């Protein structure tokens, strides 16, 4: 029996190449829905895959809300049929104009954006007034990651109330991303997640005391979405679990998703007895993490020797088993920044190449 990742006639594919496996993606979507409890509890992030075909697979399972990081991702998701799309990066400068162009381009789609700064919030309100629309926004909360958002204190409460009373804005709720929580054990993640969420609960209470209805919350990424899924009035935003990667597989064994994206590469040289050089350089795989940046299925690596723009040199006790030109399969440590290195992915069904899926939102402009 052939391994699940093997592709017939892979020798005809120029390398390095990205392969995706729809049947495994569909299994991951099913696992995601089961953990969340229902499709309505999900607002999956598209930043991992950036493919309209993956959005369509989720829509087929009654997932209609999505989250994205860029205007291009929002554009791609709307074109694929997403009906409720959250831009989870506060639009600033010219991005505000681009955001309102999206609203005009897709009048049947509900767009929203996160905000955390009064000047930006007011700018969006002025632009909405000019466009004769009401702009949907979420207040972005910093509950420990210290990347974006406003600390859930009195200033956050005041900004929430100001937005709620602005006739050109529609407050959707709170956006709380806790990407800083990545403990290996679920119990440790749970304890930290609940602790960091306590200030959010207090803010919700203060909002309701001010006479505003209980806010909807969009919370978490893949590591914490099973925890947030148990909360009422909360949407969860997993993303990496759709394709999975070797880093998440190692760090979060309790989540048990399937690897559904694989890198295909070739041995291009054997510069010494125990050395193998592969055509999987920085331009073909995310290189921001320390090694191992890739886990090979069959190639046993003793040491990562050198990684440059076009080459990866590894030391292997099995080097003599391989010849120059041999194909090698592997899973990246970090799939999210690996996907946009390719214009398209080869689709593999039942060990056969079944077409290509464009990486529609790999660039900043579709």
Foldseek 3Di string as FASTA:
>chain_A
DDDPPFAPPCLVPDDFAKEFEVVQLLVLLVLVCVLLVHLVQAAAEALLQLFLVSLLSNVVRVNQHYEYAALLSVLSNVVSPRAEYEHEHQQDDCSLVSVVVSCVVRVRHHYEYEDADPVSLVVNLVVLVVVVAAHEYAAEECLDPPPDGDHLDPVSLVVQVVQVPRPSYHYQYHEYEDPVQQAQDLVVSLVVVVVSCPSVVVSQVVNVVVVHPRHQYEYYEVSCSSNQSPDPSYHYYYYCLSQPFPQCCVRHVVSDRDHGMKTKWFFADAPDDQKTKIQCAVLQFPDPDDPPQKDWDPFDFPAFDDGHHGITMTGGPCVVVDDGGDMTMITGSRSSVNNLSDQWHFYAYPSYGDGITGSSSSDNHD
